[in-house]
Amino acid sequence: MKIIILFLATTFLAAMTFAQEESASPAESTAPTTEEKASATVEETPPSKPAEATAPAAEKKAEAAMSSKAAATSTNAKPATAAAAPSGKKMSVKEMEEKWEASVPSHDFSTVQGFVASDFVGVSSQGKFTDRASMLAEFKKDKDTYKSAKNEKLNVKAFGPNVMVVTGRAREKGTSKDGKAFDRTFLFTDTWMLRGGQWQCVASQVNKVKG
């Protein structure tokens, strides 16, 4: 009888042990191992971009910004040929009177020609009516040799923005073409008009008071 009871007890324990092993097996098969979890985590996490890849992108943005700034500066900058001013300046009427008298000793025809208007009228030192052609012809045929020629006095008066009247006294010293020394003094009145941004002598009267 004891033998039978012992056998039944052994059989029961073996059955219970087998049942526990069967119930534990599915849990073990379904639960992922530590290595599987790590593998899944590595595969699911997207790889981060390396620092080297982002650096060129930042550099490109900086270069693009600098290029845009340089282009804007280049657009707004004035061209070298436009920030340059003309080397020569327009002469005032007084300066032109001085240059006119200074051209007498050198017989500088081109200077006087540039000052006289095409419709010029006047009275010469010989008491003759003149126009541009006759006045320039008189100047051109002068063969005297001059030691000096200068304006001793000039009075410049404006009559509006476009008209200037100059009264003055000029003195000329030298030797005539026949060898005689001279010392001449002239009183004159010149009228200037501003035309196309340039002053022109439109009328003149000269009176020789000495020599």
N, C-alpha and C. Protein backbone atom coordinates (compact mmCIF):
# COMPACT_ATOMS: atom_id res chain seq x y z
N MET A 1 0.83 -1.22 0.00
CA MET A 1 0.00 0.00 0.00
C MET A 1 0.85 1.25 0.00
N LYS A 2 1.91 1.25 0.76
CA LYS A 2 2.81 2.38 0.82
C LYS A 2 3.47 2.59 -0.52
N ILE A 3 3.75 1.47 -1.13
CA ILE A 3 4.42 1.55 -2.44
C ILE A 3 3.51 2.24 -3.43
N ILE A 4 2.24 1.92 -3.40
CA ILE A 4 1.28 2.50 -4.35
C ILE A 4 1.14 3.99 -4.10
N ILE A 5 1.08 4.39 -2.86
CA ILE A 5 0.93 5.80 -2.52
C ILE A 5 2.15 6.59 -2.96
N LEU A 6 3.36 5.99 -2.74
CA LEU A 6 4.59 6.65 -3.14
C LEU A 6 4.67 6.82 -4.64
N PHE A 7 4.18 5.82 -5.37
CA PHE A 7 4.18 5.89 -6.84
C PHE A 7 3.27 6.99 -7.33
N LEU A 8 2.09 7.08 -6.70
CA LEU A 8 1.13 8.10 -7.12
C LEU A 8 1.68 9.50 -6.84
N ALA A 9 2.34 9.63 -5.70
CA ALA A 9 2.90 10.94 -5.35
C ALA A 9 3.98 11.34 -6.32
N THR A 10 4.82 10.36 -6.70
CA THR A 10 5.91 10.65 -7.64
C THR A 10 5.36 11.05 -9.00
N THR A 11 4.29 10.31 -9.40
CA THR A 11 3.67 10.61 -10.70
C THR A 11 3.07 11.99 -10.71
N PHE A 12 2.45 12.38 -9.61
CA PHE A 12 1.81 13.70 -9.51
C PHE A 12 2.85 14.82 -9.58
N LEU A 13 3.97 14.63 -8.89
CA LEU A 13 5.03 15.63 -8.91
C LEU A 13 5.62 15.78 -10.29
N ALA A 14 5.79 14.63 -10.94
CA ALA A 14 6.34 14.70 -12.31
C ALA A 14 5.39 15.43 -13.23
N ALA A 15 4.08 15.19 -13.07
CA ALA A 15 3.10 15.87 -13.92
C ALA A 15 3.10 17.35 -13.67
N MET A 16 3.20 17.75 -12.42
CA MET A 16 3.22 19.16 -12.09
C MET A 16 4.46 19.86 -12.64
N THR A 17 5.59 19.16 -12.55
CA THR A 17 6.85 19.73 -13.08
C THR A 17 6.77 19.91 -14.57
N PHE A 18 6.22 18.96 -15.28
CA PHE A 18 6.08 19.03 -16.74
C PHE A 18 5.17 20.18 -17.15
N ALA A 19 4.06 20.36 -16.36
CA ALA A 19 3.11 21.44 -16.67
C ALA A 19 3.75 22.80 -16.49
N GLN A 20 4.58 22.93 -15.44
CA GLN A 20 5.26 24.21 -15.22
C GLN A 20 6.23 24.50 -16.34
N GLU A 21 6.96 23.47 -16.80
CA GLU A 21 7.92 23.68 -17.89
C GLU A 21 7.22 24.07 -19.18
N GLU A 22 6.07 23.51 -19.46
CA GLU A 22 5.33 23.83 -20.68
C GLU A 22 4.82 25.26 -20.64
N SER A 23 4.32 25.71 -19.46
CA SER A 23 3.81 27.08 -19.37
C SER A 23 4.91 28.10 -19.41
N ALA A 24 6.12 27.74 -18.97
CA ALA A 24 7.24 28.68 -18.99
C ALA A 24 7.86 28.83 -20.35
N SER A 25 7.79 27.79 -21.18
CA SER A 25 8.43 27.80 -22.51
C SER A 25 7.89 28.87 -23.41
N PRO A 26 6.55 29.09 -23.58
CA PRO A 26 6.05 30.17 -24.47
C PRO A 26 6.52 31.54 -24.02
N ALA A 27 6.58 31.80 -22.70
CA ALA A 27 7.01 33.11 -22.22
C ALA A 27 8.43 33.39 -22.61
N GLU A 28 9.26 32.26 -22.47
CA GLU A 28 10.66 32.43 -22.83
C GLU A 28 10.84 32.65 -24.32
N SER A 29 10.00 31.95 -25.14
CA SER A 29 10.14 32.08 -26.59
C SER A 29 9.66 33.41 -27.09
N THR A 30 8.62 34.00 -26.44
CA THR A 30 8.08 35.28 -26.91
C THR A 30 8.86 36.45 -26.39
N ALA A 31 9.48 36.36 -25.20
CA ALA A 31 10.21 37.50 -24.63
C ALA A 31 11.51 37.67 -25.38
N PRO A 32 11.79 38.83 -25.93
CA PRO A 32 13.03 39.06 -26.65
C PRO A 32 14.20 39.10 -25.70
N THR A 33 15.32 38.60 -26.17
CA THR A 33 16.56 38.63 -25.39
C THR A 33 17.10 40.04 -25.36
N THR A 34 18.08 40.20 -24.47
CA THR A 34 18.71 41.53 -24.34
C THR A 34 19.38 41.92 -25.63
N GLU A 35 20.03 40.93 -26.29
CA GLU A 35 20.71 41.22 -27.54
C GLU A 35 19.72 41.62 -28.62
N GLU A 36 18.54 40.98 -28.68
CA GLU A 36 17.53 41.30 -29.68
C GLU A 36 16.99 42.72 -29.48
N LYS A 37 16.78 43.10 -28.18
CA LYS A 37 16.31 44.44 -27.89
C LYS A 37 17.31 45.49 -28.35
N ALA A 38 18.57 45.24 -28.06
CA ALA A 38 19.61 46.19 -28.47
C ALA A 38 19.67 46.31 -29.97
N SER A 39 19.52 45.12 -30.65
CA SER A 39 19.55 45.16 -32.13
C SER A 39 18.39 45.94 -32.68
N ALA A 40 17.20 45.74 -32.10
CA ALA A 40 16.02 46.46 -32.57
C ALA A 40 16.16 47.96 -32.33
N THR A 41 16.73 48.32 -31.21
CA THR A 41 16.90 49.74 -30.90
C THR A 41 17.86 50.39 -31.87
N VAL A 42 18.92 49.69 -32.22
CA VAL A 42 19.90 50.22 -33.17
C VAL A 42 19.29 50.38 -34.53
N GLU A 43 18.47 49.42 -34.96
CA GLU A 43 17.90 49.46 -36.31
C GLU A 43 16.81 50.53 -36.43
N GLU A 44 15.99 50.71 -35.36
CA GLU A 44 14.87 51.64 -35.44
C GLU A 44 15.31 53.09 -35.30
N THR A 45 16.42 53.37 -34.57
CA THR A 45 16.86 54.75 -34.37
C THR A 45 17.57 55.24 -35.62
N PRO A 46 17.06 56.30 -36.31
CA PRO A 46 17.70 56.78 -37.54
C PRO A 46 19.07 57.32 -37.24
N PRO A 47 20.04 57.04 -38.11
CA PRO A 47 21.41 57.51 -37.88
C PRO A 47 21.46 59.03 -37.94
N SER A 48 22.15 59.62 -36.96
CA SER A 48 22.29 61.09 -36.94
C SER A 48 23.32 61.52 -37.96
N LYS A 49 23.11 62.75 -38.53
CA LYS A 49 24.01 63.28 -39.54
C LYS A 49 25.34 63.62 -38.90
N PRO A 50 26.43 63.27 -39.54
CA PRO A 50 27.74 63.61 -38.98
C PRO A 50 27.96 65.11 -38.98
N ALA A 51 28.79 65.54 -38.04
CA ALA A 51 29.07 66.99 -37.92
C ALA A 51 29.73 67.53 -39.15
N GLU A 52 30.50 66.69 -39.86
CA GLU A 52 31.21 67.14 -41.05
C GLU A 52 30.24 67.51 -42.16
N ALA A 53 29.07 66.86 -42.19
CA ALA A 53 28.10 67.15 -43.25
C ALA A 53 27.41 68.48 -43.02
N THR A 54 27.18 68.85 -41.75
CA THR A 54 26.50 70.12 -41.48
C THR A 54 27.44 71.31 -41.61
N ALA A 55 28.72 71.10 -41.37
CA ALA A 55 29.67 72.22 -41.45
C ALA A 55 29.75 72.82 -42.83
N PRO A 56 29.88 72.01 -43.93
CA PRO A 56 29.90 72.62 -45.27
C PRO A 56 28.64 73.39 -45.58
N ALA A 57 27.48 72.88 -45.09
CA ALA A 57 26.23 73.59 -45.36
C ALA A 57 26.24 74.96 -44.72
N ALA A 58 26.74 75.02 -43.48
CA ALA A 58 26.83 76.33 -42.81
C ALA A 58 27.78 77.25 -43.53
N GLU A 59 28.92 76.69 -44.01
CA GLU A 59 29.88 77.50 -44.74
C GLU A 59 29.28 78.04 -46.03
N LYS A 60 28.50 77.18 -46.73
CA LYS A 60 27.86 77.62 -47.98
C LYS A 60 26.89 78.77 -47.72
N LYS A 61 26.13 78.68 -46.61
CA LYS A 61 25.20 79.77 -46.29
C LYS A 61 25.95 81.06 -46.02
N ALA A 62 27.07 80.93 -45.26
CA ALA A 62 27.86 82.13 -44.97
C ALA A 62 28.44 82.73 -46.24
N GLU A 63 28.94 81.87 -47.16
CA GLU A 63 29.48 82.36 -48.42
C GLU A 63 28.42 83.03 -49.26
N ALA A 64 27.20 82.44 -49.26
CA ALA A 64 26.11 83.02 -50.04
C ALA A 64 25.73 84.39 -49.50
N ALA A 65 25.71 84.51 -48.14
CA ALA A 65 25.39 85.81 -47.54
C ALA A 65 26.43 86.85 -47.89
N MET A 66 27.74 86.44 -47.85
CA MET A 66 28.80 87.38 -48.20
C MET A 66 28.72 87.79 -49.66
N SER A 67 28.39 86.81 -50.54
CA SER A 67 28.27 87.12 -51.97
C SER A 67 27.15 88.11 -52.22
N SER A 68 26.01 87.90 -51.51
CA SER A 68 24.87 88.82 -51.68
C SER A 68 25.24 90.22 -51.22
N LYS A 69 25.97 90.32 -50.09
CA LYS A 69 26.37 91.63 -49.57
C LYS A 69 27.33 92.30 -50.53
N ALA A 70 28.28 91.51 -51.08
CA ALA A 70 29.24 92.07 -52.03
C ALA A 70 28.54 92.56 -53.28
N ALA A 71 27.54 91.80 -53.75
CA ALA A 71 26.80 92.20 -54.95
C ALA A 71 26.04 93.49 -54.71
N ALA A 72 25.42 93.60 -53.50
CA ALA A 72 24.69 94.83 -53.20
C ALA A 72 25.61 96.02 -53.12
N THR A 73 26.80 95.79 -52.52
CA THR A 73 27.77 96.89 -52.43
C THR A 73 28.24 97.30 -53.80
N SER A 74 28.48 96.30 -54.67
CA SER A 74 28.93 96.60 -56.03
C SER A 74 27.88 97.35 -56.82
N THR A 75 26.60 97.03 -56.56
CA THR A 75 25.52 97.69 -57.29
C THR A 75 25.38 99.14 -56.87
N ASN A 76 25.51 99.35 -55.51
CA ASN A 76 25.33 100.71 -55.01
C ASN A 76 26.54 101.59 -55.24
N ALA A 77 27.73 100.94 -55.42
CA ALA A 77 28.94 101.75 -55.58
C ALA A 77 28.92 102.51 -56.89
N LYS A 78 29.44 103.57 -56.74
CA LYS A 78 29.50 104.37 -57.96
C LYS A 78 30.69 103.93 -58.80
N PRO A 79 30.54 103.91 -60.12
CA PRO A 79 31.65 103.58 -60.98
C PRO A 79 32.78 104.60 -60.86
N ALA A 80 34.20 104.05 -60.95
CA ALA A 80 35.31 104.91 -60.83
C ALA A 80 35.29 106.05 -61.77
N THR A 81 34.68 105.68 -63.02
CA THR A 81 34.66 106.74 -64.01
C THR A 81 33.65 107.81 -63.70
N ALA A 82 32.39 107.55 -62.85
CA ALA A 82 31.43 108.52 -62.50
C ALA A 82 31.82 109.37 -61.37
N ALA A 83 32.51 108.98 -59.88
CA ALA A 83 33.21 109.77 -58.53
C ALA A 83 34.51 110.86 -58.83
N ALA A 84 34.90 110.60 -60.83
CA ALA A 84 35.88 111.53 -61.12
C ALA A 84 35.44 112.85 -61.68
N ALA A 85 35.81 113.96 -61.21
CA ALA A 85 35.43 115.28 -61.66
C ALA A 85 36.39 115.75 -62.73
N PRO A 86 35.91 116.59 -63.68
CA PRO A 86 36.82 117.08 -64.72
C PRO A 86 37.95 117.88 -64.13
N SER A 87 39.17 117.71 -64.72
CA SER A 87 40.36 118.35 -64.18
C SER A 87 40.31 119.87 -64.34
N GLY A 88 39.74 120.34 -65.44
CA GLY A 88 39.67 121.79 -65.68
C GLY A 88 38.39 122.38 -65.12
N LYS A 89 38.41 123.68 -64.81
CA LYS A 89 37.20 124.34 -64.33
C LYS A 89 36.89 125.51 -65.26
N LYS A 90 35.63 125.89 -65.28
CA LYS A 90 35.22 127.02 -66.12
C LYS A 90 35.78 128.31 -65.54
N MET A 91 36.30 129.15 -66.41
CA MET A 91 36.85 130.42 -65.96
C MET A 91 35.75 131.44 -65.72
N SER A 92 36.00 132.32 -64.75
CA SER A 92 35.08 133.43 -64.52
C SER A 92 35.35 134.50 -65.59
N VAL A 93 34.45 135.46 -65.68
CA VAL A 93 34.62 136.55 -66.65
C VAL A 93 35.90 137.33 -66.35
N LYS A 94 36.18 137.56 -65.07
CA LYS A 94 37.40 138.29 -64.72
C LYS A 94 38.65 137.51 -65.17
N GLU A 95 38.64 136.22 -64.96
CA GLU A 95 39.78 135.39 -65.38
C GLU A 95 39.93 135.41 -66.91
N MET A 96 38.81 135.43 -67.61
CA MET A 96 38.87 135.47 -69.07
C MET A 96 39.42 136.80 -69.55
N GLU A 97 39.07 137.92 -68.89
CA GLU A 97 39.63 139.23 -69.24
C GLU A 97 41.16 139.24 -69.03
N GLU A 98 41.61 138.65 -67.93
CA GLU A 98 43.04 138.60 -67.66
C GLU A 98 43.76 137.75 -68.71
N LYS A 99 43.15 136.63 -69.06
CA LYS A 99 43.76 135.75 -70.06
C LYS A 99 43.78 136.41 -71.44
N TRP A 100 42.75 137.18 -71.75
CA TRP A 100 42.68 137.88 -73.04
C TRP A 100 43.84 138.86 -73.18
N GLU A 101 44.05 139.69 -72.15
CA GLU A 101 45.15 140.66 -72.22
C GLU A 101 46.52 139.96 -72.21
N ALA A 102 46.61 138.85 -71.46
CA ALA A 102 47.88 138.12 -71.43
C ALA A 102 48.20 137.44 -72.77
N SER A 103 47.20 137.26 -73.63
CA SER A 103 47.43 136.63 -74.93
C SER A 103 47.99 137.63 -75.96
N VAL A 104 47.96 138.92 -75.64
CA VAL A 104 48.44 139.95 -76.58
C VAL A 104 49.94 139.82 -76.86
N PRO A 105 50.82 139.71 -75.85
CA PRO A 105 52.26 139.61 -76.14
C PRO A 105 52.64 138.37 -76.95
N SER A 106 51.94 137.25 -76.71
CA SER A 106 52.26 136.00 -77.42
C SER A 106 51.48 135.86 -78.73
N HIS A 107 50.63 136.86 -79.02
CA HIS A 107 49.79 136.81 -80.23
C HIS A 107 48.98 135.50 -80.28
N ASP A 108 48.42 135.14 -79.12
CA ASP A 108 47.65 133.89 -78.99
C ASP A 108 46.26 134.07 -79.59
N PHE A 109 46.17 133.85 -80.88
CA PHE A 109 44.93 134.08 -81.61
C PHE A 109 43.81 133.13 -81.18
N SER A 110 44.14 131.88 -80.92
CA SER A 110 43.11 130.88 -80.61
C SER A 110 42.38 131.20 -79.31
N THR A 111 43.10 131.77 -78.33
CA THR A 111 42.44 132.12 -77.06
C THR A 111 41.40 133.21 -77.26
N VAL A 112 41.78 134.29 -77.95
CA VAL A 112 40.83 135.38 -78.20
C VAL A 112 39.67 134.91 -79.06
N GLN A 113 39.98 134.10 -80.03
CA GLN A 113 38.93 133.57 -80.92
C GLN A 113 37.88 132.79 -80.12
N GLY A 114 38.32 132.07 -79.10
CA GLY A 114 37.38 131.29 -78.29
C GLY A 114 36.53 132.13 -77.38
N PHE A 115 36.96 133.37 -77.09
CA PHE A 115 36.19 134.24 -76.19
C PHE A 115 35.12 135.07 -76.90
N VAL A 116 35.29 135.31 -78.19
CA VAL A 116 34.43 136.25 -78.91
C VAL A 116 33.23 135.53 -79.53
N ALA A 117 32.03 136.10 -79.30
CA ALA A 117 30.80 135.50 -79.84
C ALA A 117 30.72 135.70 -81.35
N SER A 118 29.98 134.82 -81.99
CA SER A 118 29.84 134.91 -83.45
C SER A 118 29.11 136.18 -83.88
N ASP A 119 28.23 136.70 -83.02
CA ASP A 119 27.48 137.92 -83.35
C ASP A 119 28.07 139.15 -82.64
N PHE A 120 29.35 139.10 -82.34
CA PHE A 120 30.05 140.19 -81.67
C PHE A 120 29.95 141.50 -82.45
N VAL A 121 29.79 142.62 -81.73
CA VAL A 121 29.84 143.97 -82.32
C VAL A 121 30.68 144.85 -81.40
N GLY A 122 31.34 145.88 -81.97
CA GLY A 122 32.14 146.74 -81.11
C GLY A 122 32.69 147.96 -81.83
N VAL A 123 33.49 148.73 -81.10
CA VAL A 123 34.20 149.89 -81.61
C VAL A 123 35.66 149.71 -81.25
N SER A 124 36.55 149.77 -82.23
CA SER A 124 37.97 149.51 -82.00
C SER A 124 38.68 150.73 -81.44
N SER A 125 39.96 150.56 -81.05
CA SER A 125 40.77 151.68 -80.52
C SER A 125 41.09 152.70 -81.60
N GLN A 126 40.89 152.31 -82.88
CA GLN A 126 41.06 153.27 -83.99
C GLN A 126 39.77 154.02 -84.30
N GLY A 127 38.75 153.82 -83.51
CA GLY A 127 37.48 154.51 -83.71
C GLY A 127 36.66 153.92 -84.84
N LYS A 128 36.83 152.61 -85.13
CA LYS A 128 36.08 151.98 -86.22
C LYS A 128 35.10 150.95 -85.65
N PHE A 129 33.95 150.85 -86.35
CA PHE A 129 32.99 149.80 -85.99
C PHE A 129 33.57 148.45 -86.41
N THR A 130 33.36 147.45 -85.57
CA THR A 130 33.90 146.12 -85.87
C THR A 130 32.87 145.04 -85.62
N ASP A 131 33.10 143.92 -86.27
CA ASP A 131 32.36 142.69 -85.95
C ASP A 131 33.41 141.64 -85.58
N ARG A 132 32.97 140.43 -85.43
CA ARG A 132 33.91 139.39 -84.99
C ARG A 132 35.05 139.22 -85.98
N ALA A 133 34.73 139.13 -87.27
CA ALA A 133 35.75 138.87 -88.29
C ALA A 133 36.79 140.00 -88.35
N SER A 134 36.33 141.24 -88.37
CA SER A 134 37.27 142.36 -88.49
C SER A 134 38.10 142.55 -87.22
N MET A 135 37.49 142.31 -86.04
CA MET A 135 38.25 142.43 -84.81
C MET A 135 39.35 141.37 -84.71
N LEU A 136 39.01 140.13 -85.09
CA LEU A 136 40.01 139.06 -85.05
C LEU A 136 41.10 139.28 -86.11
N ALA A 137 40.71 139.84 -87.26
CA ALA A 137 41.70 140.13 -88.31
C ALA A 137 42.69 141.19 -87.83
N GLU A 138 42.20 142.19 -87.12
CA GLU A 138 43.07 143.24 -86.56
C GLU A 138 44.05 142.65 -85.53
N PHE A 139 43.55 141.76 -84.72
CA PHE A 139 44.39 141.12 -83.71
C PHE A 139 45.47 140.24 -84.38
N LYS A 140 45.06 139.54 -85.43
CA LYS A 140 45.96 138.59 -86.08
C LYS A 140 47.11 139.28 -86.81
N LYS A 141 46.89 140.48 -87.34
CA LYS A 141 47.93 141.16 -88.11
C LYS A 141 48.88 141.99 -87.25
N ASP A 142 48.67 141.98 -85.95
CA ASP A 142 49.56 142.73 -85.04
C ASP A 142 50.95 142.08 -85.03
N LYS A 143 51.98 142.86 -85.37
CA LYS A 143 53.36 142.37 -85.42
C LYS A 143 54.26 143.04 -84.38
N ASP A 144 53.67 143.75 -83.45
CA ASP A 144 54.47 144.43 -82.44
C ASP A 144 55.10 143.42 -81.47
N THR A 145 56.20 143.85 -80.85
CA THR A 145 56.87 143.04 -79.83
C THR A 145 56.59 143.66 -78.47
N TYR A 146 56.12 142.80 -77.55
CA TYR A 146 55.66 143.32 -76.25
C TYR A 146 56.60 142.91 -75.12
N LYS A 147 56.87 143.87 -74.26
CA LYS A 147 57.58 143.58 -73.02
C LYS A 147 56.60 143.20 -71.92
N SER A 148 55.44 143.82 -71.95
CA SER A 148 54.42 143.53 -70.95
C SER A 148 53.06 143.95 -71.48
N ALA A 149 52.05 143.28 -70.98
CA ALA A 149 50.66 143.64 -71.30
C ALA A 149 49.79 143.11 -70.17
N LYS A 150 49.12 144.00 -69.46
CA LYS A 150 48.31 143.57 -68.32
C LYS A 150 47.19 144.55 -68.04
N ASN A 151 46.18 144.05 -67.37
CA ASN A 151 45.09 144.91 -66.93
C ASN A 151 45.47 145.55 -65.60
N GLU A 152 45.42 146.83 -65.56
CA GLU A 152 45.75 147.54 -64.32
C GLU A 152 44.53 147.70 -63.41
N LYS A 153 43.34 147.65 -64.01
CA LYS A 153 42.12 147.78 -63.21
C LYS A 153 40.98 147.09 -63.93
N LEU A 154 40.16 146.38 -63.15
CA LEU A 154 38.98 145.72 -63.71
C LEU A 154 37.80 145.92 -62.76
N ASN A 155 36.66 146.33 -63.33
CA ASN A 155 35.41 146.43 -62.59
C ASN A 155 34.40 145.49 -63.26
N VAL A 156 33.92 144.51 -62.51
CA VAL A 156 33.00 143.52 -63.07
C VAL A 156 31.65 143.68 -62.38
N LYS A 157 30.61 143.85 -63.19
CA LYS A 157 29.26 144.03 -62.63
C LYS A 157 28.28 143.11 -63.35
N ALA A 158 27.47 142.40 -62.56
CA ALA A 158 26.47 141.49 -63.13
C ALA A 158 25.15 142.23 -63.34
N PHE A 159 24.53 141.98 -64.47
CA PHE A 159 23.19 142.48 -64.79
C PHE A 159 22.29 141.27 -65.02
N GLY A 160 21.89 140.65 -63.90
CA GLY A 160 21.15 139.39 -64.01
C GLY A 160 22.13 138.23 -64.03
N PRO A 161 21.62 137.00 -64.10
CA PRO A 161 22.49 135.81 -64.04
C PRO A 161 23.28 135.55 -65.32
N ASN A 162 22.88 136.15 -66.43
CA ASN A 162 23.48 135.81 -67.71
C ASN A 162 24.24 136.94 -68.39
N VAL A 163 24.36 138.09 -67.73
CA VAL A 163 25.04 139.23 -68.35
C VAL A 163 26.05 139.83 -67.38
N MET A 164 27.27 140.05 -67.88
CA MET A 164 28.33 140.71 -67.11
C MET A 164 28.90 141.86 -67.95
N VAL A 165 29.13 143.00 -67.30
CA VAL A 165 29.76 144.15 -67.96
C VAL A 165 31.07 144.45 -67.23
N VAL A 166 32.15 144.53 -68.00
CA VAL A 166 33.47 144.78 -67.42
C VAL A 166 34.00 146.11 -67.95
N THR A 167 34.39 147.00 -67.04
CA THR A 167 35.11 148.22 -67.42
C THR A 167 36.51 148.11 -66.84
N GLY A 168 37.50 148.53 -67.65
CA GLY A 168 38.85 148.37 -67.16
C GLY A 168 39.87 149.26 -67.86
N ARG A 169 41.08 149.17 -67.33
CA ARG A 169 42.20 149.89 -67.93
C ARG A 169 43.33 148.89 -68.18
N ALA A 170 43.87 148.90 -69.43
CA ALA A 170 44.96 148.01 -69.80
C ALA A 170 46.16 148.83 -70.22
N ARG A 171 47.35 148.30 -69.86
CA ARG A 171 48.59 148.98 -70.25
C ARG A 171 49.51 148.00 -70.97
N GLU A 172 50.06 148.46 -72.12
CA GLU A 172 50.92 147.61 -72.95
C GLU A 172 52.22 148.36 -73.29
N LYS A 173 53.35 147.67 -73.08
CA LYS A 173 54.66 148.26 -73.37
C LYS A 173 55.42 147.35 -74.33
N GLY A 174 56.19 147.97 -75.22
CA GLY A 174 56.98 147.18 -76.14
C GLY A 174 57.55 148.01 -77.28
N THR A 175 57.81 147.33 -78.39
CA THR A 175 58.38 147.98 -79.58
C THR A 175 57.52 147.66 -80.78
N SER A 176 57.19 148.67 -81.56
CA SER A 176 56.35 148.47 -82.74
C SER A 176 57.14 147.77 -83.85
N LYS A 177 56.46 147.37 -84.92
CA LYS A 177 57.11 146.66 -86.01
C LYS A 177 58.14 147.53 -86.75
N ASP A 178 58.02 148.86 -86.61
CA ASP A 178 59.00 149.75 -87.24
C ASP A 178 60.14 150.13 -86.28
N GLY A 179 60.20 149.47 -85.10
CA GLY A 179 61.30 149.68 -84.16
C GLY A 179 61.10 150.75 -83.14
N LYS A 180 59.98 151.39 -83.07
CA LYS A 180 59.72 152.46 -82.12
C LYS A 180 59.12 151.89 -80.82
N ALA A 181 59.63 152.39 -79.70
CA ALA A 181 59.10 151.95 -78.40
C ALA A 181 57.72 152.57 -78.15
N PHE A 182 56.89 151.87 -77.46
CA PHE A 182 55.56 152.40 -77.13
C PHE A 182 55.20 152.06 -75.68
N ASP A 183 54.32 152.89 -75.16
CA ASP A 183 53.73 152.68 -73.83
C ASP A 183 52.29 153.14 -73.94
N ARG A 184 51.39 152.20 -74.16
CA ARG A 184 49.98 152.52 -74.46
C ARG A 184 49.08 152.19 -73.28
N THR A 185 48.08 153.04 -73.14
CA THR A 185 47.05 152.79 -72.13
C THR A 185 45.68 152.85 -72.79
N PHE A 186 44.84 151.85 -72.47
CA PHE A 186 43.49 151.76 -73.07
C PHE A 186 42.45 151.70 -71.96
N LEU A 187 41.32 152.35 -72.21
CA LEU A 187 40.12 152.17 -71.41
C LEU A 187 39.12 151.38 -72.25
N PHE A 188 38.46 150.43 -71.64
CA PHE A 188 37.57 149.57 -72.44
C PHE A 188 36.33 149.18 -71.65
N THR A 189 35.30 148.83 -72.40
CA THR A 189 34.06 148.26 -71.83
C THR A 189 33.72 147.01 -72.62
N ASP A 190 33.62 145.88 -71.93
CA ASP A 190 33.26 144.60 -72.56
C ASP A 190 31.96 144.08 -71.96
N THR A 191 31.08 143.58 -72.82
CA THR A 191 29.83 142.97 -72.37
C THR A 191 29.88 141.48 -72.65
N TRP A 192 29.60 140.67 -71.61
CA TRP A 192 29.65 139.20 -71.71
C TRP A 192 28.27 138.61 -71.46
N MET A 193 27.96 137.54 -72.19
CA MET A 193 26.70 136.82 -71.98
C MET A 193 27.00 135.33 -71.77
N LEU A 194 26.21 134.73 -70.89
CA LEU A 194 26.34 133.29 -70.63
C LEU A 194 25.45 132.53 -71.61
N ARG A 195 26.09 131.73 -72.47
CA ARG A 195 25.36 130.98 -73.50
C ARG A 195 25.81 129.52 -73.49
N GLY A 196 24.85 128.64 -73.25
CA GLY A 196 25.19 127.22 -73.23
C GLY A 196 26.24 126.87 -72.19
N GLY A 197 26.19 127.57 -71.06
CA GLY A 197 27.15 127.31 -69.99
C GLY A 197 28.51 127.93 -70.21
N GLN A 198 28.67 128.76 -71.23
CA GLN A 198 29.95 129.37 -71.54
C GLN A 198 29.79 130.88 -71.70
N TRP A 199 30.67 131.64 -71.05
CA TRP A 199 30.65 133.09 -71.20
C TRP A 199 31.29 133.49 -72.53
N GLN A 200 30.62 134.44 -73.25
CA GLN A 200 31.12 134.95 -74.52
C GLN A 200 31.04 136.48 -74.53
N CYS A 201 32.07 137.08 -75.11
CA CYS A 201 32.06 138.55 -75.25
C CYS A 201 31.22 138.90 -76.47
N VAL A 202 30.12 139.65 -76.26
CA VAL A 202 29.20 139.97 -77.35
C VAL A 202 29.35 141.41 -77.83
N ALA A 203 30.02 142.26 -77.02
CA ALA A 203 30.20 143.66 -77.42
C ALA A 203 31.40 144.23 -76.69
N SER A 204 32.09 145.19 -77.38
CA SER A 204 33.26 145.81 -76.77
C SER A 204 33.50 147.19 -77.35
N GLN A 205 34.01 148.09 -76.54
CA GLN A 205 34.42 149.42 -77.01
C GLN A 205 35.75 149.75 -76.34
N VAL A 206 36.74 150.13 -77.17
CA VAL A 206 38.10 150.41 -76.68
C VAL A 206 38.49 151.84 -77.05
N ASN A 207 39.10 152.52 -76.09
CA ASN A 207 39.53 153.90 -76.30
C ASN A 207 40.99 154.01 -75.85
N LYS A 208 41.89 154.40 -76.77
CA LYS A 208 43.28 154.58 -76.41
C LYS A 208 43.48 155.97 -75.82
N VAL A 209 43.93 156.05 -74.58
CA VAL A 209 44.09 157.33 -73.91
C VAL A 209 45.55 157.74 -73.78
N LYS A 210 46.47 156.87 -74.15
CA LYS A 210 47.89 157.17 -74.08
C LYS A 210 48.66 156.31 -75.10
N GLY A 211 49.68 156.94 -75.72
CA GLY A 211 50.57 156.19 -76.62
C GLY A 211 50.11 156.21 -78.04
